[in-house]
Amino acid sequence: MKLGMVGLGKMGANMTKRLLEHGHELVVTDLSADAIKEAEGAGATGASSLEDLVSKLDSPKIVWVMVPSGNPTTSTLNQLGDLLDEGDIVIDGGNSNYKLTMQHAEALAENGIHMIDVGTSGGVWGLKEGYSMMIGGEKDKVDYISPILESLAPAKDKGWGYVGPNGAGHFVKMVHNGIEYGMMQAYAEGFSIMKAKTEFDLDMAEISRIWQDGSVVRSWLLDLMHDAFEQDQEFEDLAAYVSDSGEGRWTVFEAIDLDVSAPVITTALLRRLRSREGENYTDKLLNMTRNQFGGHAIKKKED
């Protein structure tokens, strides 16, 4: 199939390459001229702007948007709403908030433009391994673009599927990332406990290797941790700072709105926030209070 790709960051560029490898025709654009040039080297047709990209597509036009969530996505979709025609299809494959996705779909529909939201997982490994995709929108439009989805997925019948109307794809991906927070936190805590048991001199690389096969806690996340442990087990050069891209927060907010208890995901999110507090006032207060009620020694910085 022929489609446009807007956004050639780590995900968009690799998706473009994978689609080209599977015989699709790609017209691409990005704010970076170098990124466009690289995609052209892989076989894509470059476009200098959204207008240029749309002019080079056949009707019904298909445009896949892979730009950062929030204002960049909203701005891009608004522009496409003015450039595309009735019957054309826009795919938002980024990590947009599902509520905004529903608003975007409604706005595009006023011009007869169909929107499909694709919650996309796979990260930088997607080019080689394929992407997991959770898809929302009109079912017949999803069926129409299925050759694209089959090429991006790990296999034609694996790793992707239709989950519901507009917004559902990004909603499911949001929860997916919330679960990811909890899994990562549990792994990190478990290995930290073992690391602290110094008298056993445990080898984290060996333990993670053992768990990779047959264990009930085996997973791709564990595989990635094993690869990291083989390179380094001290991580002295790394800052104890963990970012979050938003989906974990949205999952926690949604759980509260729906009266669903989600303590693991919530705690994992709060732990990420805690990692950013270099001079943690909370811990200082706990330190002081233990001294006040129990006479426990106060830990000073020099200690």
C-alpha atoms as a PDB file:
ATOM      1  CA  MET A   1       0.000   0.000   0.000  1.00  0.00           C
ATOM      2  CA  LYS A   2       1.008   3.627  -0.384  1.00  0.00           C
ATOM      3  CA  LEU A   3       0.946   5.890   2.657  1.00  0.00           C
ATOM      4  CA  GLY A   4       2.483   8.989   4.163  1.00  0.00           C
ATOM      5  CA  MET A   5       4.572   8.962   7.338  1.00  0.00           C
ATOM      6  CA  VAL A   6       4.717  12.166   9.356  1.00  0.00           C
ATOM      7  CA  GLY A   7       7.499  12.091  11.943  1.00  0.00           C
ATOM      8  CA  LEU A   8      10.791  10.251  11.557  1.00  0.00           C
ATOM      9  CA  GLY A   9      11.974   9.943  15.122  1.00  0.00           C
ATOM     10  CA  LYS A  10      13.175   6.622  16.534  1.00  0.00           C
ATOM     11  CA  MET A  11       9.784   4.969  16.076  1.00  0.00           C
ATOM     12  CA  GLY A  12       8.668   6.638  12.853  1.00  0.00           C
ATOM     13  CA  ALA A  13      11.979   6.061  11.079  1.00  0.00           C
ATOM     14  CA  ASN A  14      12.105   2.379  11.995  1.00  0.00           C
ATOM     15  CA  MET A  15       8.465   1.844  11.060  1.00  0.00           C
ATOM     16  CA  THR A  16       9.183   3.451   7.704  1.00  0.00           C
ATOM     17  CA  LYS A  17      12.100   1.086   7.109  1.00  0.00           C
ATOM     18  CA  ARG A  18      10.064  -1.967   8.094  1.00  0.00           C
ATOM     19  CA  LEU A  19       7.209  -0.996   5.781  1.00  0.00           C
ATOM     20  CA  LEU A  20       9.617  -0.379   2.909  1.00  0.00           C
ATOM     21  CA  GLU A  21      11.180  -3.799   3.508  1.00  0.00           C
ATOM     22  CA  HIS A  22       7.696  -5.306   3.131  1.00  0.00           C
ATOM     23  CA  GLY A  23       7.086  -3.642  -0.215  1.00  0.00           C
ATOM     24  CA  HIS A  24       4.954  -0.643   0.753  1.00  0.00           C
ATOM     25  CA  GLU A  25       5.418   2.810  -0.793  1.00  0.00           C
ATOM     26  CA  LEU A  26       6.212   5.588   1.684  1.00  0.00           C
ATOM     27  CA  VAL A  27       6.081   9.359   1.328  1.00  0.00           C
ATOM     28  CA  VAL A  28       7.750  10.881   4.382  1.00  0.00           C
ATOM     29  CA  THR A  29       8.223  14.240   6.044  1.00  0.00           C
ATOM     30  CA  ASP A  30       9.878  15.491   9.216  1.00  0.00           C
ATOM     31  CA  LEU A  31      11.200  18.704  10.723  1.00  0.00           C
ATOM     32  CA  SER A  32      14.693  17.318  10.171  1.00  0.00           C
ATOM     33  CA  ALA A  33      15.973  17.407   6.588  1.00  0.00           C
ATOM     34  CA  ASP A  34      18.596  14.809   7.562  1.00  0.00           C
ATOM     35  CA  ALA A  35      15.892  12.403   8.730  1.00  0.00           C
ATOM     36  CA  ILE A  36      14.068  12.795   5.408  1.00  0.00           C
ATOM     37  CA  LYS A  37      17.307  12.209   3.517  1.00  0.00           C
ATOM     38  CA  GLU A  38      18.005   9.028   5.478  1.00  0.00           C
ATOM     39  CA  ALA A  39      14.511   7.706   4.734  1.00  0.00           C
ATOM     40  CA  GLU A  40      14.994   8.515   1.063  1.00  0.00           C
ATOM     41  CA  GLY A  41      18.159   6.448   1.167  1.00  0.00           C
ATOM     42  CA  ALA A  42      16.073   3.502   2.342  1.00  0.00           C
ATOM     43  CA  GLY A  43      13.652   3.925  -0.566  1.00  0.00           C
ATOM     44  CA  ALA A  44      11.058   6.426   0.640  1.00  0.00           C
ATOM     45  CA  THR A  45       9.918   9.537  -1.231  1.00  0.00           C
ATOM     46  CA  GLY A  46      10.706  12.712   0.673  1.00  0.00           C
ATOM     47  CA  ALA A  47       8.295  15.597   1.169  1.00  0.00           C
ATOM     48  CA  SER A  48       9.193  19.095   2.332  1.00  0.00           C
ATOM     49  CA  SER A  49       5.902  19.728   4.146  1.00  0.00           C
ATOM     50  CA  LEU A  50       2.512  18.247   4.982  1.00  0.00           C
ATOM     51  CA  GLU A  51       1.107  19.911   1.871  1.00  0.00           C
ATOM     52  CA  ASP A  52       3.821  18.330  -0.250  1.00  0.00           C
ATOM     53  CA  LEU A  53       3.272  14.939   1.354  1.00  0.00           C
ATOM     54  CA  VAL A  54      -0.488  14.970   0.772  1.00  0.00           C
ATOM     55  CA  SER A  55       0.006  16.015  -2.868  1.00  0.00           C
ATOM     56  CA  LYS A  56       2.124  12.925  -3.500  1.00  0.00           C
ATOM     57  CA  LEU A  57      -0.427  10.402  -2.192  1.00  0.00           C
ATOM     58  CA  ASP A  58      -3.171   8.578  -4.066  1.00  0.00           C
ATOM     59  CA  SER A  59      -6.809   8.656  -2.983  1.00  0.00           C
ATOM     60  CA  PRO A  60      -8.031   7.483  -0.616  1.00  0.00           C
ATOM     61  CA  LYS A  61      -4.978   8.923   1.066  1.00  0.00           C
ATOM     62  CA  ILE A  62      -3.504   7.236   4.147  1.00  0.00           C
ATOM     63  CA  VAL A  63      -1.340   9.301   6.504  1.00  0.00           C
ATOM     64  CA  TRP A  64       0.371   7.796   9.556  1.00  0.00           C
ATOM     65  CA  VAL A  65       1.306  10.376  12.228  1.00  0.00           C
ATOM     66  CA  MET A  66       4.222   9.567  14.566  1.00  0.00           C
ATOM     67  CA  VAL A  67       4.975  12.840  16.343  1.00  0.00           C
ATOM     68  CA  PRO A  68       5.126  13.594  20.100  1.00  0.00           C
ATOM     69  CA  SER A  69       1.807  13.523  21.934  1.00  0.00           C
ATOM     70  CA  GLY A  70       0.037  16.710  22.958  1.00  0.00           C
ATOM     71  CA  ASN A  71       0.355  19.922  20.961  1.00  0.00           C
ATOM     72  CA  PRO A  72       2.534  18.463  18.156  1.00  0.00           C
ATOM     73  CA  THR A  73      -0.062  15.759  17.454  1.00  0.00           C
ATOM     74  CA  THR A  74      -3.019  18.147  17.737  1.00  0.00           C
ATOM     75  CA  SER A  75      -1.384  20.677  15.419  1.00  0.00           C
ATOM     76  CA  THR A  76      -0.511  18.004  12.839  1.00  0.00           C
ATOM     77  CA  LEU A  77      -4.000  16.503  12.857  1.00  0.00           C
ATOM     78  CA  ASN A  78      -5.608  19.937  12.547  1.00  0.00           C
ATOM     79  CA  GLN A  79      -3.470  20.703   9.497  1.00  0.00           C
ATOM     80  CA  LEU A  80      -4.266  17.347   7.935  1.00  0.00           C
ATOM     81  CA  GLY A  81      -7.951  18.001   8.539  1.00  0.00           C
ATOM     82  CA  ASP A  82      -7.650  20.984   6.204  1.00  0.00           C
ATOM     83  CA  LEU A  83      -5.524  19.200   3.609  1.00  0.00           C
ATOM     84  CA  LEU A  84      -7.206  15.823   3.250  1.00  0.00           C
ATOM     85  CA  ASP A  85     -10.454  14.958   1.495  1.00  0.00           C
ATOM     86  CA  GLU A  86     -13.560  13.051   2.430  1.00  0.00           C
ATOM     87  CA  GLY A  87     -12.815   9.342   2.660  1.00  0.00           C
ATOM     88  CA  ASP A  88      -9.119   9.759   3.497  1.00  0.00           C
ATOM     89  CA  ILE A  89      -7.616   8.051   6.556  1.00  0.00           C
ATOM     90  CA  VAL A  90      -5.396   9.461   9.312  1.00  0.00           C
ATOM     91  CA  ILE A  91      -3.608   7.116  11.715  1.00  0.00           C
ATOM     92  CA  ASP A  92      -2.304   8.396  15.052  1.00  0.00           C
ATOM     93  CA  GLY A  93       0.325   5.888  16.147  1.00  0.00           C
ATOM     94  CA  GLY A  94       1.768   7.936  19.002  1.00  0.00           C
ATOM     95  CA  ASN A  95       1.045   7.833  22.729  1.00  0.00           C
ATOM     96  CA  SER A  96      -1.825  10.309  22.679  1.00  0.00           C
ATOM     97  CA  ASN A  97      -4.228  10.629  25.588  1.00  0.00           C
ATOM     98  CA  TYR A  98      -7.299   8.652  24.550  1.00  0.00           C
ATOM     99  CA  LYS A  99      -9.621  11.508  25.489  1.00  0.00           C
ATOM    100  CA  LEU A 100      -7.840  13.811  23.047  1.00  0.00           C
ATOM    101  CA  THR A 101      -7.930  11.041  20.462  1.00  0.00           C
ATOM    102  CA  MET A 102     -11.723  10.935  20.688  1.00  0.00           C
ATOM    103  CA  GLN A 103     -11.848  14.712  20.193  1.00  0.00           C
ATOM    104  CA  HIS A 104      -9.488  14.519  17.211  1.00  0.00           C
ATOM    105  CA  ALA A 105     -11.560  11.766  15.611  1.00  0.00           C
ATOM    106  CA  GLU A 106     -14.746  13.785  16.032  1.00  0.00           C
ATOM    107  CA  ALA A 107     -13.154  16.896  14.514  1.00  0.00           C
ATOM    108  CA  LEU A 108     -11.805  14.988  11.497  1.00  0.00           C
ATOM    109  CA  ALA A 109     -15.133  13.256  10.982  1.00  0.00           C
ATOM    110  CA  GLU A 110     -16.761  16.643  10.384  1.00  0.00           C
ATOM    111  CA  ASN A 111     -14.800  16.737   7.115  1.00  0.00           C
ATOM    112  CA  GLY A 112     -15.518  13.103   6.329  1.00  0.00           C
ATOM    113  CA  ILE A 113     -11.985  12.047   7.260  1.00  0.00           C
ATOM    114  CA  HIS A 114     -11.608   8.730   9.080  1.00  0.00           C
ATOM    115  CA  MET A 115      -9.250   8.395  12.033  1.00  0.00           C
ATOM    116  CA  ILE A 116      -7.615   5.252  13.404  1.00  0.00           C
ATOM    117  CA  ASP A 117      -5.739   5.296  16.703  1.00  0.00           C
ATOM    118  CA  VAL A 118      -2.955   2.757  17.069  1.00  0.00           C
ATOM    119  CA  GLY A 119      -1.392   2.207  20.460  1.00  0.00           C
ATOM    120  CA  THR A 120       2.079   1.099  19.415  1.00  0.00           C
ATOM    121  CA  SER A 121       4.535  -0.881  21.542  1.00  0.00           C
ATOM    122  CA  GLY A 122       7.926  -2.176  20.538  1.00  0.00           C
ATOM    123  CA  GLY A 123      10.253   0.768  20.954  1.00  0.00           C
ATOM    124  CA  VAL A 124      13.607   0.724  19.221  1.00  0.00           C
ATOM    125  CA  TRP A 125      13.375  -3.054  18.777  1.00  0.00           C
ATOM    126  CA  GLY A 126      10.298  -2.826  16.571  1.00  0.00           C
ATOM    127  CA  LEU A 127      12.255  -2.686  13.322  1.00  0.00           C
ATOM    128  CA  LYS A 128      13.670  -6.154  13.946  1.00  0.00           C
ATOM    129  CA  GLU A 129      11.045  -7.794  16.156  1.00  0.00           C
ATOM    130  CA  GLY A 130       7.874  -6.112  14.925  1.00  0.00           C
ATOM    131  CA  TYR A 131       5.391  -3.936  16.806  1.00  0.00           C
ATOM    132  CA  SER A 132       2.487  -4.750  19.080  1.00  0.00           C
ATOM    133  CA  MET A 133      -0.482  -2.630  18.031  1.00  0.00           C
ATOM    134  CA  MET A 134      -3.796  -2.000  19.776  1.00  0.00           C
ATOM    135  CA  ILE A 135      -6.189  -0.423  17.291  1.00  0.00           C
ATOM    136  CA  GLY A 136      -9.270   1.755  17.656  1.00  0.00           C
ATOM    137  CA  GLY A 137     -11.558   3.266  15.041  1.00  0.00           C
ATOM    138  CA  GLU A 138     -14.063   2.122  12.444  1.00  0.00           C
ATOM    139  CA  LYS A 139     -13.632  -1.617  11.913  1.00  0.00           C
ATOM    140  CA  ASP A 140     -13.987  -1.495   8.135  1.00  0.00           C
ATOM    141  CA  LYS A 141     -11.254   1.154   7.880  1.00  0.00           C
ATOM    142  CA  VAL A 142      -8.976  -0.926  10.074  1.00  0.00           C
ATOM    143  CA  ASP A 143      -9.623  -3.883   7.775  1.00  0.00           C
ATOM    144  CA  TYR A 144      -8.733  -1.694   4.792  1.00  0.00           C
ATOM    145  CA  ILE A 145      -5.282  -0.813   6.171  1.00  0.00           C
ATOM    146  CA  SER A 146      -4.628  -4.347   7.491  1.00  0.00           C
ATOM    147  CA  PRO A 147      -1.770  -4.985   4.999  1.00  0.00           C
ATOM    148  CA  ILE A 148       0.130  -2.139   6.684  1.00  0.00           C
ATOM    149  CA  LEU A 149      -0.563  -3.511  10.157  1.00  0.00           C
ATOM    150  CA  GLU A 150       0.400  -7.053   9.153  1.00  0.00           C
ATOM    151  CA  SER A 151       3.754  -5.764   7.902  1.00  0.00           C
ATOM    152  CA  LEU A 152       4.496  -3.832  11.081  1.00  0.00           C
ATOM    153  CA  ALA A 153       3.440  -6.644  13.426  1.00  0.00           C
ATOM    154  CA  PRO A 154       5.697  -9.543  14.489  1.00  0.00           C
ATOM    155  CA  ALA A 155       3.596 -11.743  12.172  1.00  0.00           C
ATOM    156  CA  LYS A 156       0.454 -11.290  10.095  1.00  0.00           C
ATOM    157  CA  ASP A 157      -1.719 -12.884  12.761  1.00  0.00           C
ATOM    158  CA  LYS A 158       0.243 -12.001  15.893  1.00  0.00           C
ATOM    159  CA  GLY A 159       0.805  -8.889  17.981  1.00  0.00           C
ATOM    160  CA  TRP A 160      -1.993  -6.693  16.665  1.00  0.00           C
ATOM    161  CA  GLY A 161      -5.751  -6.457  16.765  1.00  0.00           C
ATOM    162  CA  TYR A 162      -8.847  -4.304  16.762  1.00  0.00           C
ATOM    163  CA  VAL A 163      -9.986  -3.354  20.276  1.00  0.00           C
ATOM    164  CA  GLY A 164     -12.888  -0.916  19.784  1.00  0.00           C
ATOM    165  CA  PRO A 165     -14.019   2.533  18.590  1.00  0.00           C
ATOM    166  CA  ASN A 166     -11.890   5.662  18.410  1.00  0.00           C
ATOM    167  CA  GLY A 167      -9.913   6.124  21.606  1.00  0.00           C
ATOM    168  CA  ALA A 168      -9.918   2.443  22.524  1.00  0.00           C
ATOM    169  CA  GLY A 169      -6.531   1.791  20.938  1.00  0.00           C
ATOM    170  CA  HIS A 170      -4.799   4.523  22.900  1.00  0.00           C
ATOM    171  CA  PHE A 171      -6.727   3.626  26.060  1.00  0.00           C
ATOM    172  CA  VAL A 172      -5.503   0.019  25.943  1.00  0.00           C
ATOM    173  CA  LYS A 173      -1.936   1.195  25.237  1.00  0.00           C
ATOM    174  CA  MET A 174      -2.186   3.526  28.228  1.00  0.00           C
ATOM    175  CA  VAL A 175      -3.071   0.623  30.520  1.00  0.00           C
ATOM    176  CA  HIS A 176      -0.366  -1.494  28.851  1.00  0.00           C
ATOM    177  CA  ASN A 177       2.215   1.114  29.871  1.00  0.00           C
ATOM    178  CA  GLY A 178       0.804   1.300  33.393  1.00  0.00           C
ATOM    179  CA  ILE A 179       1.298  -2.459  33.737  1.00  0.00           C
ATOM    180  CA  GLU A 180       4.805  -2.003  32.372  1.00  0.00           C
ATOM    181  CA  TYR A 181       5.545   0.456  35.210  1.00  0.00           C
ATOM    182  CA  GLY A 182       4.547  -2.145  37.795  1.00  0.00           C
ATOM    183  CA  MET A 183       6.535  -4.962  36.183  1.00  0.00           C
ATOM    184  CA  MET A 184       9.672  -2.844  35.890  1.00  0.00           C
ATOM    185  CA  GLN A 185       9.373  -1.740  39.516  1.00  0.00           C
ATOM    186  CA  ALA A 186       8.988  -5.324  40.763  1.00  0.00           C
ATOM    187  CA  TYR A 187      12.031  -6.497  38.802  1.00  0.00           C
ATOM    188  CA  ALA A 188      14.103  -3.542  40.017  1.00  0.00           C
ATOM    189  CA  GLU A 189      13.142  -4.107  43.649  1.00  0.00           C
ATOM    190  CA  GLY A 190      13.808  -7.852  43.468  1.00  0.00           C
ATOM    191  CA  PHE A 191      17.265  -7.456  41.985  1.00  0.00           C
ATOM    192  CA  SER A 192      18.027  -4.694  44.494  1.00  0.00           C
ATOM    193  CA  ILE A 193      17.212  -7.070  47.368  1.00  0.00           C
ATOM    194  CA  MET A 194      19.545  -9.687  45.927  1.00  0.00           C
ATOM    195  CA  LYS A 195      22.254  -7.088  45.312  1.00  0.00           C
ATOM    196  CA  ALA A 196      22.044  -6.063  48.973  1.00  0.00           C
ATOM    197  CA  LYS A 197      22.673  -9.660  50.147  1.00  0.00           C
ATOM    198  CA  THR A 198      26.406  -9.125  49.850  1.00  0.00           C
ATOM    199  CA  GLU A 199      27.476 -12.295  51.687  1.00  0.00           C
ATOM    200  CA  PHE A 200      26.126 -14.412  48.797  1.00  0.00           C
ATOM    201  CA  ASP A 201      27.933 -12.351  46.146  1.00  0.00           C
ATOM    202  CA  LEU A 202      25.055 -12.999  43.732  1.00  0.00           C
ATOM    203  CA  ASP A 203      25.580 -12.597  39.995  1.00  0.00           C
ATOM    204  CA  MET A 204      22.625 -10.658  38.573  1.00  0.00           C
ATOM    205  CA  ALA A 205      23.451 -11.665  34.989  1.00  0.00           C
ATOM    206  CA  GLU A 206      23.450 -15.346  35.896  1.00  0.00           C
ATOM    207  CA  ILE A 207      20.230 -15.120  37.901  1.00  0.00           C
ATOM    208  CA  SER A 208      18.421 -13.266  35.137  1.00  0.00           C
ATOM    209  CA  ARG A 209      19.718 -15.866  32.647  1.00  0.00           C
ATOM    210  CA  ILE A 210      18.285 -18.675  34.761  1.00  0.00           C
ATOM    211  CA  TRP A 211      14.912 -16.941  34.941  1.00  0.00           C
ATOM    212  CA  GLN A 212      14.737 -16.433  31.170  1.00  0.00           C
ATOM    213  CA  ASP A 213      13.606 -20.019  30.546  1.00  0.00           C
ATOM    214  CA  GLY A 214      10.932 -21.931  32.405  1.00  0.00           C
ATOM    215  CA  SER A 215      10.380 -19.334  35.120  1.00  0.00           C
ATOM    216  CA  VAL A 216       6.940 -17.820  35.661  1.00  0.00           C
ATOM    217  CA  VAL A 217       8.567 -14.363  35.753  1.00  0.00           C
ATOM    218  CA  ARG A 218      10.275 -14.673  32.356  1.00  0.00           C
ATOM    219  CA  SER A 219       9.535 -11.782  29.981  1.00  0.00           C
ATOM    220  CA  TRP A 220      11.067  -9.496  27.387  1.00  0.00           C
ATOM    221  CA  LEU A 221      11.734  -6.924  30.111  1.00  0.00           C
ATOM    222  CA  LEU A 222      13.768  -9.568  31.933  1.00  0.00           C
ATOM    223  CA  ASP A 223      15.653 -10.321  28.716  1.00  0.00           C
ATOM    224  CA  LEU A 224      16.595  -6.641  28.423  1.00  0.00           C
ATOM    225  CA  MET A 225      17.709  -6.535  32.066  1.00  0.00           C
ATOM    226  CA  HIS A 226      19.855  -9.620  31.482  1.00  0.00           C
ATOM    227  CA  ASP A 227      21.545  -7.911  28.525  1.00  0.00           C
ATOM    228  CA  ALA A 228      22.242  -4.869  30.707  1.00  0.00           C
ATOM    229  CA  PHE A 229      23.616  -6.978  33.580  1.00  0.00           C
ATOM    230  CA  GLU A 230      26.036  -8.703  31.229  1.00  0.00           C
ATOM    231  CA  GLN A 231      27.550  -5.297  30.470  1.00  0.00           C
ATOM    232  CA  ASP A 232      27.514  -3.821  33.980  1.00  0.00           C
ATOM    233  CA  GLN A 233      26.018  -4.650  37.372  1.00  0.00           C
ATOM    234  CA  GLU A 234      26.969  -1.540  39.322  1.00  0.00           C
ATOM    235  CA  PHE A 235      25.626   1.259  37.072  1.00  0.00           C
ATOM    236  CA  GLU A 236      27.775   3.786  38.897  1.00  0.00           C
ATOM    237  CA  ASP A 237      27.640   6.221  35.979  1.00  0.00           C
ATOM    238  CA  LEU A 238      23.831   6.292  35.903  1.00  0.00           C
ATOM    239  CA  ALA A 239      21.717   8.848  37.737  1.00  0.00           C
ATOM    240  CA  ALA A 240      18.977   7.492  40.005  1.00  0.00           C
ATOM    241  CA  TYR A 241      16.397   9.406  37.999  1.00  0.00           C
ATOM    242  CA  VAL A 242      13.496   7.689  36.246  1.00  0.00           C
ATOM    243  CA  SER A 243      11.406   9.611  33.719  1.00  0.00           C
ATOM    244  CA  ASP A 244       7.810   8.909  32.766  1.00  0.00           C
ATOM    245  CA  SER A 245       6.196   9.740  29.449  1.00  0.00           C
ATOM    246  CA  GLY A 246       2.671  10.212  30.788  1.00  0.00           C
ATOM    247  CA  GLU A 247       0.798   6.960  30.235  1.00  0.00           C
ATOM    248  CA  GLY A 248       1.426   5.698  33.773  1.00  0.00           C
ATOM    249  CA  ARG A 249      -0.059   8.891  35.209  1.00  0.00           C
ATOM    250  CA  TRP A 250      -3.075   8.644  32.937  1.00  0.00           C
ATOM    251  CA  THR A 251      -3.611   5.032  33.989  1.00  0.00           C
ATOM    252  CA  VAL A 252      -3.611   5.993  37.658  1.00  0.00           C
ATOM    253  CA  PHE A 253      -6.001   8.910  37.025  1.00  0.00           C
ATOM    254  CA  GLU A 254      -8.325   6.587  35.108  1.00  0.00           C
ATOM    255  CA  ALA A 255      -8.246   4.000  37.895  1.00  0.00           C
ATOM    256  CA  ILE A 256      -9.297   6.673  40.389  1.00  0.00           C
ATOM    257  CA  ASP A 257     -12.079   7.915  38.090  1.00  0.00           C
ATOM    258  CA  LEU A 258     -13.367   4.356  37.662  1.00  0.00           C
ATOM    259  CA  ASP A 259     -13.048   3.454  41.373  1.00  0.00           C
ATOM    260  CA  VAL A 260     -10.621   0.672  40.515  1.00  0.00           C
ATOM    261  CA  SER A 261      -7.886  -0.112  43.028  1.00  0.00           C
ATOM    262  CA  ALA A 262      -4.477  -0.115  41.311  1.00  0.00           C
ATOM    263  CA  PRO A 263      -1.900   0.056  44.128  1.00  0.00           C
ATOM    264  CA  VAL A 264       0.996  -1.535  42.245  1.00  0.00           C
ATOM    265  CA  ILE A 265       0.827   0.778  39.240  1.00  0.00           C
ATOM    266  CA  THR A 266       0.231   3.800  41.495  1.00  0.00           C
ATOM    267  CA  THR A 267       3.188   2.985  43.726  1.00  0.00           C
ATOM    268  CA  ALA A 268       5.417   2.399  40.703  1.00  0.00           C
ATOM    269  CA  LEU A 269       4.502   5.833  39.376  1.00  0.00           C
ATOM    270  CA  LEU A 270       5.117   7.493  42.747  1.00  0.00           C
ATOM    271  CA  ARG A 271       8.482   5.760  42.981  1.00  0.00           C
ATOM    272  CA  ARG A 272       9.479   7.283  39.645  1.00  0.00           C
ATOM    273  CA  LEU A 273       8.491  10.711  40.930  1.00  0.00           C
ATOM    274  CA  ARG A 274      10.477  10.067  44.103  1.00  0.00           C
ATOM    275  CA  SER A 275      13.599   9.328  42.053  1.00  0.00           C
ATOM    276  CA  ARG A 276      13.681  12.945  40.888  1.00  0.00           C
ATOM    277  CA  GLU A 277      13.884  14.430  44.359  1.00  0.00           C
ATOM    278  CA  GLY A 278      17.639  14.817  44.763  1.00  0.00           C
ATOM    279  CA  GLU A 279      17.345  16.532  48.140  1.00  0.00           C
ATOM    280  CA  ASN A 280      14.296  14.654  49.373  1.00  0.00           C
ATOM    281  CA  TYR A 281      12.469  16.724  51.984  1.00  0.00           C
ATOM    282  CA  THR A 282      10.170  13.812  52.859  1.00  0.00           C
ATOM    283  CA  ASP A 283      13.082  11.621  53.883  1.00  0.00           C
ATOM    284  CA  LYS A 284      14.583  14.481  55.894  1.00  0.00           C
ATOM    285  CA  LEU A 285      11.317  14.835  57.826  1.00  0.00           C
ATOM    286  CA  LEU A 286      11.173  11.080  58.464  1.00  0.00           C
ATOM    287  CA  ASN A 287      14.757  11.183  59.685  1.00  0.00           C
ATOM    288  CA  MET A 288      13.982  14.062  62.056  1.00  0.00           C
ATOM    289  CA  THR A 289      10.704  12.572  63.327  1.00  0.00           C
ATOM    290  CA  ARG A 290      12.332   9.233  64.238  1.00  0.00           C
ATOM    291  CA  ASN A 291      14.689  11.209  66.454  1.00  0.00           C
ATOM    292  CA  GLN A 292      11.852  13.185  68.027  1.00  0.00           C
ATOM    293  CA  PHE A 293       9.675  10.251  69.098  1.00  0.00           C
ATOM    294  CA  GLY A 294      12.255   7.517  69.627  1.00  0.00           C
ATOM    295  CA  GLY A 295      15.524   9.246  70.178  1.00  0.00           C
ATOM    296  CA  HIS A 296      16.995   7.542  67.120  1.00  0.00           C
ATOM    297  CA  ALA A 297      20.234   9.013  65.851  1.00  0.00           C
ATOM    298  CA  ILE A 298      19.848  11.607  63.094  1.00  0.00           C
ATOM    299  CA  LYS A 299      21.690  10.756  59.908  1.00  0.00           C
ATOM    300  CA  LYS A 300      23.711  13.743  58.708  1.00  0.00           C
ATOM    301  CA  LYS A 301      24.965  14.189  55.132  1.00  0.00           C
ATOM    302  CA  GLU A 302      28.529  13.465  56.190  1.00  0.00           C
ATOM    303  CA  ASP A 303      27.345  10.144  57.644  1.00  0.00           C
END
